[in-house]
């Protein structure tokens, strides 16, 4: 048994801590705005609000719009390109060329001084053959757009897991505070009985002090649980982008999850099929392969057709040149082949092939991580299920033990220490059940995220 002086000091210190924290919480409560609103949320409602308010998801939405615009730009290369142009030019004066014809025609200006020139043109260009360059760029853009869409889906699942964890952490903290509050009330009743027994001379002082210590320790743990609940509440409010005056009230109940164990290999196969981050990487591999084909197409001949219609003042194709508007048109079929570029095309192909190989290796590594992650989460959920089952039985046993001990204590059959042990065991069982149920929910959420559900 501890020395009396040290035993008496413990409840005094704990009571002081409790009083100080109570003042702090009272001040925080006084500082809350009077127009604070309460928002009752189920887990599904919290997930929906988080998806609507999430900056990371909005960033991914913006990237997705950019990828879709890139795809439209790649497809537009197949369409004719129409250009409109207009030009006005001023040249320096030149001597006129005059031909001296015999009479009666006489001197005639063959090339006049025309310093002002004006033109307007509409042109059309159509690619006829690019060696697969345009098709490769379109396919690359399509796969890139699909990859960004899959990344957005993966980001949403990551957000769902974050919200789920914060939601259940808040429930666990508040439920722990409730369990500790009930324990404090039980210790208070026990302390009242112990004081009465001491007054009647049938209980020693150390019994009263032992109950006081447990009561104060439970009260301090309750305040810590309330503090943890405030932290969890702030975290969830941050994710949901709620104002500081909004109080979240989860409507879910901590109870065993209605989920059964599934075969590990089937879960791994499902993860390899459904994980959006894997689908995004596969799309990026395909995009990189298409980009290689597009770079290789630079080595092949490029053919195009172009045509135009223009009006000019003066039109120098007319002879002799004279001021005035004249129209003109042209049509061309061109074929080009790059014979030497200093190795730029081959370097681009080699770079794209290296990136493709790197993407393949990254995909292989991701498959290994998916298998490991699914296995780990499967085992964690299996353990959590067994832990919940044991916690439920332990709580039932502790409740019954507390009931029997209370009756025997009132009958004077057992000392106060045995009832105190039963109350402490009940408190531990209640907290263990709360923690086990939360771990089970989190383990299930992480398993579902690992599988890609």
Protein backbone atom coordinates (compact mmCIF):
# COMPACT_ATOMS: atom_id res chain seq x y z
CA UNK A 1 0.00 0.00 0.00
CA UNK A 2 1.23 3.51 -0.85
CA UNK A 3 2.17 5.91 1.96
CA UNK A 4 -0.80 7.99 3.10
CA UNK A 5 0.73 11.31 2.14
CA UNK A 6 1.36 10.26 -1.47
CA UNK A 7 -2.08 8.64 -1.73
CA UNK A 8 -3.77 11.81 -0.54
CA UNK A 9 -1.78 13.97 -2.97
CA UNK A 10 -2.92 12.09 -6.05
CA UNK A 11 -6.64 12.96 -5.88
CA UNK A 12 -5.81 16.57 -4.98
CA UNK A 13 -3.63 16.96 -8.09
CA UNK A 14 -6.18 15.22 -10.30
CA UNK A 15 -9.03 17.30 -8.94
CA UNK A 16 -6.99 20.43 -9.65
CA UNK A 17 -6.41 19.30 -13.25
CA UNK A 18 -10.10 18.53 -13.62
CA UNK A 19 -11.06 21.95 -12.27
CA UNK A 20 -8.58 23.73 -14.56
CA UNK A 21 -9.73 21.85 -17.68
CA UNK A 22 -13.32 22.48 -16.71
CA UNK A 23 -12.62 26.21 -16.62
CA UNK A 24 -10.93 26.01 -20.03
CA UNK A 25 -13.83 24.11 -21.56
CA UNK A 26 -16.26 26.51 -19.93
CA UNK A 27 -14.47 29.44 -21.51
CA UNK A 28 -14.48 27.74 -24.90
CA UNK A 29 -18.18 27.12 -24.55
CA UNK A 30 -18.74 30.76 -23.62
CA UNK A 31 -16.81 31.90 -26.68
CA UNK A 32 -18.93 29.87 -29.08
CA UNK A 33 -21.21 32.07 -31.17
CA UNK A 34 -24.79 32.13 -30.07
CA UNK A 35 -25.95 31.37 -33.60
CA UNK A 36 -24.05 28.05 -33.74
CA UNK A 37 -25.90 25.49 -35.81
CA UNK A 38 -26.03 21.74 -35.39
CA UNK A 39 -25.56 19.60 -38.48
CA UNK A 40 -26.73 16.01 -38.16
CA UNK A 41 -24.88 13.86 -40.66
CA UNK A 42 -24.85 10.23 -41.62
CA UNK A 43 -21.64 8.86 -43.05
CA UNK A 44 -23.04 8.97 -46.59
CA UNK A 45 -24.08 12.60 -46.14
CA UNK A 46 -20.63 13.46 -44.83
CA UNK A 47 -19.04 11.77 -47.84
CA UNK A 48 -21.26 13.73 -50.22
CA UNK A 49 -20.50 17.07 -48.56
CA UNK A 50 -16.78 16.33 -48.62
CA UNK A 51 -16.87 15.53 -52.35
CA UNK A 52 -18.61 18.82 -53.05
CA UNK A 53 -16.20 20.89 -50.95
CA UNK A 54 -12.86 19.17 -51.57
CA UNK A 55 -10.13 21.38 -53.15
CA UNK A 56 -8.09 18.29 -54.21
CA UNK A 57 -11.09 16.98 -56.16
CA UNK A 58 -11.64 20.38 -57.77
CA UNK A 59 -7.98 20.38 -58.77
CA UNK A 60 -8.41 16.96 -60.38
CA UNK A 61 -11.56 18.22 -62.11
CA UNK A 62 -9.53 21.08 -63.58
CA UNK A 63 -6.84 18.64 -64.75
CA UNK A 64 -9.54 16.49 -66.32
CA UNK A 65 -10.93 19.45 -68.24
CA UNK A 66 -7.42 20.22 -69.43
CA UNK A 67 -6.91 16.63 -70.63
CA UNK A 68 -10.24 16.73 -72.47
CA UNK A 69 -9.21 19.99 -74.14
CA UNK A 70 -5.92 18.39 -75.17
CA UNK A 71 -7.87 15.52 -76.74
CA UNK A 72 -10.06 17.93 -78.68
CA UNK A 73 -6.92 19.68 -79.92
CA UNK A 74 -5.40 16.38 -81.08
CA UNK A 75 -8.56 15.40 -82.95
CA UNK A 76 -8.73 18.84 -84.56
CA UNK A 77 -5.52 18.07 -86.47
CA UNK A 78 -7.57 15.83 -88.77
CA UNK A 79 -9.85 18.68 -89.80
CA UNK A 80 -9.11 21.25 -92.51
CA UNK A 81 -7.40 24.39 -91.33
CA UNK A 82 -8.83 27.64 -92.70
CA UNK A 83 -6.85 30.89 -92.47
CA UNK A 84 -7.91 34.43 -93.21
CA UNK A 85 -5.30 37.12 -93.77
CA UNK A 86 -5.12 40.71 -94.93
CA UNK A 87 -2.10 42.87 -95.64
CA UNK A 88 -1.32 46.46 -96.51
CA UNK A 89 2.22 47.38 -97.55
CA UNK A 90 4.08 50.54 -98.49
CA UNK A 91 7.22 50.27 -100.65
CA UNK A 92 9.78 52.78 -101.73
CA UNK A 93 9.47 54.36 -105.11
CA UNK A 94 11.18 52.76 -108.11
CA UNK A 95 11.73 54.12 -111.57
CA UNK A 96 8.99 53.24 -113.99
CA UNK A 97 9.87 51.07 -116.96
CA UNK A 98 8.72 52.78 -120.12
CA UNK A 99 8.76 51.09 -123.50
CA UNK A 100 9.32 53.38 -126.48
CA UNK A 101 6.91 52.12 -129.08
CA UNK A 102 6.73 53.85 -132.44
CA UNK A 103 3.81 56.10 -133.16
CA UNK A 104 0.93 56.07 -133.00
CA UNK A 105 1.26 54.16 -129.66
CA UNK A 106 4.29 56.06 -128.48
CA UNK A 107 5.93 55.61 -125.05
CA UNK A 108 4.08 53.07 -122.85
CA UNK A 109 4.61 52.36 -119.14
CA UNK A 110 5.29 48.64 -118.85
CA UNK A 111 6.14 48.51 -115.09
CA UNK A 112 4.69 51.44 -113.20
CA UNK A 113 5.76 52.71 -109.79
CA UNK A 114 3.18 51.14 -107.43
CA UNK A 115 4.34 51.83 -103.83
CA UNK A 116 1.01 50.81 -102.20
CA UNK A 117 -0.09 47.18 -102.17
CA UNK A 118 -3.15 45.54 -100.54
CA UNK A 119 -4.19 41.91 -100.35
CA UNK A 120 -6.75 39.64 -98.71
CA UNK A 121 -6.59 35.83 -98.68
CA UNK A 122 -8.53 32.81 -97.46
CA UNK A 123 -6.53 29.60 -97.33
CA UNK A 124 -7.37 25.93 -96.76
CA UNK A 125 -4.91 23.22 -95.63
CA UNK A 126 -5.78 19.53 -95.26
CA UNK A 127 -3.36 16.83 -94.04
CA UNK A 128 -3.46 13.83 -96.34
CA UNK A 129 -0.84 11.53 -94.87
CA UNK A 130 1.21 11.95 -91.68
CA UNK A 131 2.62 8.46 -91.24
CA UNK A 132 0.38 7.86 -88.22
CA UNK A 133 1.51 10.95 -86.32
CA UNK A 134 -1.97 12.42 -85.85
CA UNK A 135 -3.50 9.04 -84.99
CA UNK A 136 -0.76 8.48 -82.41
CA UNK A 137 -1.27 11.89 -80.84
CA UNK A 138 -5.03 11.35 -80.66
CA UNK A 139 -4.62 7.94 -79.03
CA UNK A 140 -2.08 9.36 -76.58
CA UNK A 141 -4.44 12.20 -75.66
CA UNK A 142 -7.35 9.76 -75.24
CA UNK A 143 -5.36 7.59 -72.86
CA UNK A 144 -4.11 10.62 -70.97
CA UNK A 145 -7.67 11.85 -70.54
CA UNK A 146 -8.70 8.40 -69.30
CA UNK A 147 -5.77 8.38 -66.88
CA UNK A 148 -6.77 11.74 -65.41
CA UNK A 149 -10.37 10.51 -65.05
CA UNK A 150 -9.13 7.43 -63.19
CA UNK A 151 -6.92 9.61 -60.99
CA UNK A 152 -9.98 11.65 -60.15
CA UNK A 153 -11.83 8.46 -59.16
CA UNK A 154 -8.83 7.40 -57.06
CA UNK A 155 -8.73 10.81 -55.40
CA UNK A 156 -12.41 10.51 -54.53
CA UNK A 157 -11.82 7.13 -52.90
CA UNK A 158 -8.89 8.55 -50.92
CA UNK A 159 -11.15 11.37 -49.77
CA UNK A 160 -13.86 8.88 -48.79
CA UNK A 161 -11.37 6.98 -46.65
CA UNK A 162 -10.20 10.21 -44.99
CA UNK A 163 -13.78 11.26 -44.22
CA UNK A 164 -14.68 7.79 -42.96
CA UNK A 165 -11.69 7.72 -40.62
CA UNK A 166 -12.47 11.21 -39.25
CA UNK A 167 -16.17 10.34 -38.85
CA UNK A 168 -15.53 7.16 -36.85
CA UNK A 169 -12.75 8.79 -34.83
CA UNK A 170 -15.23 11.46 -33.77
CA UNK A 171 -17.80 8.83 -32.83
CA UNK A 172 -15.20 6.83 -30.89
CA UNK A 173 -14.04 9.87 -28.90
CA UNK A 174 -17.58 10.88 -28.01
CA UNK A 175 -18.57 7.33 -27.15
CA UNK A 176 -15.45 6.98 -24.99
CA UNK A 177 -16.39 10.19 -23.19
CA UNK A 178 -19.88 8.77 -22.59
CA UNK A 179 -18.50 5.50 -21.23
CA UNK A 180 -16.14 7.40 -18.95
CA UNK A 181 -19.00 9.63 -17.81
CA UNK A 182 -20.97 6.55 -16.77
CA UNK A 183 -17.90 5.23 -14.96
CA UNK A 184 -17.51 8.53 -13.10
CA UNK A 185 -21.15 8.30 -11.98
CA UNK A 186 -20.58 4.72 -10.83
CA UNK A 187 -17.45 5.73 -8.91
CA UNK A 188 -19.38 8.60 -7.33
CA UNK A 189 -22.01 6.19 -6.02
CA UNK A 190 -19.30 3.85 -4.79
CA UNK A 191 -17.51 6.75 -3.08
CA UNK A 192 -20.73 7.77 -1.35
CA UNK A 193 -21.14 4.24 0.00
CA UNK A 194 -17.46 4.06 1.02
CA UNK A 195 -17.72 7.35 2.93
CA UNK A 196 -20.83 6.10 4.71
CA UNK A 197 -19.09 2.85 5.65
CA UNK A 198 -16.05 4.77 6.89
CA UNK A 199 -18.31 6.98 8.99
CA UNK A 200 -19.89 3.90 10.54
CA UNK A 201 -16.47 2.44 11.26
CA UNK A 202 -16.75 -0.56 8.96
CA UNK A 203 -14.34 0.67 6.25
CA UNK A 204 -10.76 1.92 6.37
CA UNK A 205 -9.62 5.28 5.04
CA UNK A 206 -7.56 3.68 2.32
CA UNK A 207 -10.75 2.25 0.73
CA UNK A 208 -12.17 5.76 0.39
CA UNK A 209 -8.93 7.10 -1.04
CA UNK A 210 -8.69 4.27 -3.57
CA UNK A 211 -12.19 5.05 -4.87
CA UNK A 212 -11.40 8.75 -5.01
CA UNK A 213 -8.29 8.06 -7.09
CA UNK A 214 -10.20 5.92 -9.57
CA UNK A 215 -13.01 8.49 -9.73
CA UNK A 216 -10.57 11.34 -10.41
CA UNK A 217 -8.62 9.30 -12.95
CA UNK A 218 -11.84 8.47 -14.80
CA UNK A 219 -12.86 12.14 -14.77
CA UNK A 220 -9.49 13.18 -16.19
CA UNK A 221 -9.76 10.48 -18.87
CA UNK A 222 -13.25 11.74 -19.70
CA UNK A 223 -11.95 15.27 -20.22
CA UNK A 224 -9.17 13.91 -22.40
CA UNK A 225 -11.73 12.01 -24.44
CA UNK A 226 -13.76 15.20 -24.84
CA UNK A 227 -10.62 16.98 -25.99
CA UNK A 228 -9.97 14.18 -28.49
CA UNK A 229 -13.55 14.57 -29.66
CA UNK A 230 -13.01 18.29 -30.23
CA UNK A 231 -9.89 17.58 -32.25
CA UNK A 232 -11.71 14.93 -34.31
CA UNK A 233 -14.60 17.33 -34.79
CA UNK A 234 -12.26 20.05 -36.03
CA UNK A 235 -10.63 17.60 -38.44
CA UNK A 236 -13.97 16.48 -39.88
CA UNK A 237 -15.19 20.09 -40.11
CA UNK A 238 -12.00 20.95 -42.01
CA UNK A 239 -12.58 18.19 -44.53
CA UNK A 240 -16.23 19.21 -44.98
CA UNK A 241 -15.26 22.92 -45.21
CA UNK A 242 -17.75 23.88 -42.48
CA UNK A 243 -17.76 27.18 -40.64
CA UNK A 244 -16.46 27.35 -37.08
CA UNK A 245 -19.99 27.86 -35.74
CA UNK A 246 -21.27 24.52 -37.08
CA UNK A 247 -21.44 21.53 -34.73
CA UNK A 248 -21.46 18.09 -36.32
CA UNK A 249 -23.66 15.42 -34.81
CA UNK A 250 -22.99 11.99 -36.37
CA UNK A 251 -26.16 9.95 -36.68
CA UNK A 252 -24.38 6.60 -37.06
CA UNK A 253 -24.15 4.17 -34.15
CA UNK A 254 -21.04 2.27 -33.16
CA UNK A 255 -22.06 -1.32 -33.71
CA UNK A 256 -20.49 -4.34 -35.40
CA UNK A 257 -20.17 -3.93 -39.16
CA UNK A 258 -22.45 -6.10 -41.26
CA UNK A 259 -19.61 -7.49 -43.36
CA UNK A 260 -18.24 -11.00 -43.68
CA UNK A 261 -14.76 -12.18 -44.49
CA UNK A 262 -14.06 -12.82 -48.16
CA UNK A 263 -11.48 -14.97 -49.87
CA UNK A 264 -8.13 -13.19 -50.12
CA UNK A 265 -7.31 -14.24 -53.68
CA UNK A 266 -10.69 -13.08 -54.96
CA UNK A 267 -10.10 -9.73 -53.24
CA UNK A 268 -6.65 -9.41 -54.84
CA UNK A 269 -8.10 -10.21 -58.27
CA UNK A 270 -10.83 -7.63 -57.73
CA UNK A 271 -8.26 -5.04 -56.67
CA UNK A 272 -6.16 -5.66 -59.78
CA UNK A 273 -9.29 -5.19 -61.91
CA UNK A 274 -10.93 -2.28 -60.13
CA UNK A 275 -8.28 -0.07 -58.52
CA UNK A 276 -8.60 3.31 -60.28
CA UNK A 277 -4.97 4.21 -59.61
CA UNK A 278 -3.93 1.05 -61.46
CA UNK A 279 -6.29 1.88 -64.33
CA UNK A 280 -4.76 5.36 -64.48
CA UNK A 281 -1.26 3.93 -64.71
CA UNK A 282 -2.33 1.45 -67.40
CA UNK A 283 -3.78 4.33 -69.39
CA UNK A 284 -0.54 6.26 -69.01
CA UNK A 285 1.40 3.24 -70.30
CA UNK A 286 -0.86 3.12 -73.37
CA UNK A 287 -0.50 6.89 -73.80
CA UNK A 288 3.27 6.62 -73.70
CA UNK A 289 3.24 3.81 -76.27
CA UNK A 290 1.06 5.91 -78.58
CA UNK A 291 3.44 8.84 -78.15
CA UNK A 292 6.29 6.60 -79.33
CA UNK A 293 4.37 5.84 -82.53
CA UNK A 294 3.69 9.55 -83.03
CA UNK A 295 7.41 10.39 -82.75
CA UNK A 296 8.34 7.59 -85.13
CA UNK A 297 5.89 8.99 -87.69
CA UNK A 298 8.16 12.01 -88.09
CA UNK A 299 10.46 9.76 -90.13
CA UNK A 300 7.80 9.08 -92.74
CA UNK A 301 6.72 11.33 -95.64
CA UNK A 302 4.17 14.02 -94.85
CA UNK A 303 1.60 14.91 -97.50
CA UNK A 304 -0.91 17.72 -97.50
CA UNK A 305 -3.23 19.63 -99.78
CA UNK A 306 -3.62 23.38 -99.63
CA UNK A 307 -5.70 25.87 -101.58
CA UNK A 308 -6.43 29.56 -101.38
CA UNK A 309 -8.36 32.44 -102.84
CA UNK A 310 -7.14 36.02 -102.66
CA UNK A 311 -7.69 39.49 -103.99
CA UNK A 312 -4.80 41.91 -104.54
CA UNK A 313 -4.28 45.53 -105.44
CA UNK A 314 -2.22 45.45 -107.57
CA UNK A 315 -2.06 41.82 -108.65
CA UNK A 316 1.45 41.39 -110.00
CA UNK A 317 0.44 38.28 -111.91
CA UNK A 318 -1.41 40.53 -114.29
CA UNK A 319 0.74 42.17 -116.93
CA UNK A 320 1.27 44.95 -117.15
CA UNK A 321 0.72 45.70 -113.47
CA UNK A 322 -1.88 48.31 -112.77
CA UNK A 323 -3.76 49.69 -109.80
CA UNK A 324 -7.07 47.94 -109.08
CA UNK A 325 -8.37 44.80 -107.39
CA UNK A 326 -7.95 41.44 -109.15
CA UNK A 327 -8.78 38.04 -107.68
CA UNK A 328 -6.62 34.95 -107.82
CA UNK A 329 -6.65 31.36 -106.58
CA UNK A 330 -4.14 28.54 -106.09
CA UNK A 331 -4.10 24.82 -105.19
CA UNK A 332 -1.08 22.75 -104.13
CA UNK A 333 -0.32 19.13 -103.31
CA UNK A 334 2.90 18.87 -101.32
CA UNK A 335 4.99 15.92 -100.15
CA UNK A 336 7.89 16.31 -97.74
CA UNK A 337 10.39 13.92 -96.21
CA UNK A 338 12.81 14.93 -93.52
CA UNK A 339 16.14 13.51 -94.65
CA UNK A 340 18.37 14.77 -91.86
CA UNK A 341 17.46 16.46 -88.58
CA UNK A 342 20.65 15.98 -86.61
CA UNK A 343 19.16 13.05 -84.64
CA UNK A 344 16.27 14.96 -83.08
CA UNK A 345 13.59 12.47 -84.17
CA UNK A 346 15.55 9.42 -82.99
CA UNK A 347 16.28 11.15 -79.67
CA UNK A 348 12.56 11.88 -79.19
CA UNK A 349 11.72 8.24 -79.97
CA UNK A 350 14.38 6.96 -77.54
CA UNK A 351 13.13 9.29 -74.80
CA UNK A 352 9.53 8.17 -75.30
CA UNK A 353 10.54 4.50 -75.31
CA UNK A 354 12.46 4.97 -72.04
CA UNK A 355 9.42 6.62 -70.44
CA UNK A 356 7.24 3.77 -71.66
CA UNK A 357 9.58 1.21 -70.11
CA UNK A 358 9.59 3.19 -66.86
CA UNK A 359 5.77 3.23 -66.87
CA UNK A 360 5.70 -0.55 -67.40
CA UNK A 361 8.01 -1.05 -64.42
CA UNK A 362 5.93 1.31 -62.32
CA UNK A 363 2.82 -0.69 -63.18
CA UNK A 364 4.55 -3.92 -62.17
CA UNK A 365 5.58 -2.37 -58.88
CA UNK A 366 2.06 -1.11 -58.27
CA UNK A 367 0.65 -4.60 -58.81
CA UNK A 368 2.99 -5.91 -56.12
CA UNK A 369 1.97 -3.14 -53.73
CA UNK A 370 -1.73 -3.78 -54.43
CA UNK A 371 -1.32 -7.46 -53.57
CA UNK A 372 0.52 -6.61 -50.36
CA UNK A 373 -1.90 -3.83 -49.38
CA UNK A 374 -4.93 -6.06 -49.95
CA UNK A 375 -3.35 -8.88 -47.95
CA UNK A 376 -2.49 -6.57 -45.06
CA UNK A 377 -5.94 -4.97 -44.95
CA UNK A 378 -7.58 -8.39 -45.18
CA UNK A 379 -5.64 -9.60 -42.15
CA UNK A 380 -6.35 -6.38 -40.24
CA UNK A 381 -10.08 -6.76 -40.84
CA UNK A 382 -9.94 -10.43 -39.84
CA UNK A 383 -8.23 -9.46 -36.58
CA UNK A 384 -10.70 -6.61 -36.00
CA UNK A 385 -13.66 -8.99 -36.35
CA UNK A 386 -12.18 -11.33 -33.74
CA UNK A 387 -11.38 -8.38 -31.48
CA UNK A 388 -14.95 -7.08 -31.63
CA UNK A 389 -16.33 -10.51 -30.79
CA UNK A 390 -14.04 -10.75 -27.77
CA UNK A 391 -14.82 -7.17 -26.70
CA UNK A 392 -18.58 -7.85 -26.78
CA UNK A 393 -18.15 -10.94 -24.61
CA UNK A 394 -15.78 -9.11 -22.24
CA UNK A 395 -18.29 -6.29 -21.82
CA UNK A 396 -21.13 -8.70 -21.05
CA UNK A 397 -18.92 -10.48 -18.53
CA UNK A 398 -17.78 -7.21 -16.93
CA UNK A 399 -21.37 -5.97 -16.62
CA UNK A 400 -22.45 -9.16 -14.89
CA UNK A 401 -19.38 -9.14 -12.65
CA UNK A 402 -20.10 -5.51 -11.73
CA UNK A 403 -23.73 -6.35 -10.90
CA UNK A 404 -22.79 -9.30 -8.68
CA UNK A 405 -20.00 -7.37 -6.97
CA UNK A 406 -22.32 -4.45 -6.26
CA UNK A 407 -24.91 -6.72 -4.65
CA UNK A 408 -22.29 -8.51 -2.58
CA UNK A 409 -20.70 -5.22 -1.53
CA UNK A 410 -24.04 -3.88 -0.31
CA UNK A 411 -24.57 -7.14 1.56
CA UNK A 412 -21.18 -6.68 3.22
CA UNK A 413 -19.79 -9.93 1.80
CA UNK A 414 -16.85 -8.43 -0.13
CA UNK A 415 -14.57 -5.45 0.57
CA UNK A 416 -14.67 -2.22 -1.37
CA UNK A 417 -11.56 -3.16 -3.32
CA UNK A 418 -13.34 -6.03 -5.11
CA UNK A 419 -16.19 -3.76 -6.20
CA UNK A 420 -13.62 -1.19 -7.32
CA UNK A 421 -11.87 -3.85 -9.38
CA UNK A 422 -15.19 -4.80 -10.99
CA UNK A 423 -15.99 -1.18 -11.82
CA UNK A 424 -12.54 -0.63 -13.30
CA UNK A 425 -12.82 -3.82 -15.34
CA UNK A 426 -16.22 -2.65 -16.64
CA UNK A 427 -14.73 0.69 -17.63
CA UNK A 428 -11.86 -0.99 -19.46
CA UNK A 429 -14.26 -3.37 -21.22
CA UNK A 430 -16.48 -0.48 -22.33
CA UNK A 431 -13.54 1.49 -23.69
CA UNK A 432 -12.14 -1.62 -25.34
CA UNK A 433 -15.47 -2.30 -27.05
CA UNK A 434 -15.63 1.28 -28.33
CA UNK A 435 -12.07 1.12 -29.66
CA UNK A 436 -12.62 -2.32 -31.18
CA UNK A 437 -15.76 -1.27 -33.03
CA UNK A 438 -13.95 1.79 -34.38
CA UNK A 439 -10.97 -0.29 -35.49
CA UNK A 440 -13.33 -2.70 -37.19
CA UNK A 441 -15.01 0.12 -39.13
CA UNK A 442 -11.67 1.61 -40.11
CA UNK A 443 -10.27 -1.79 -41.08
CA UNK A 444 -13.29 -2.43 -43.30
CA UNK A 445 -12.97 1.01 -44.92
CA UNK A 446 -9.26 0.47 -45.60
CA UNK A 447 -9.92 -2.99 -47.02
CA UNK A 448 -12.56 -1.59 -49.36
CA UNK A 449 -10.16 1.16 -50.44
CA UNK A 450 -7.42 -1.42 -51.07
CA UNK A 451 -9.81 -3.44 -53.23
CA UNK A 452 -11.02 -0.35 -55.09
CA UNK A 453 -14.65 -0.37 -53.98
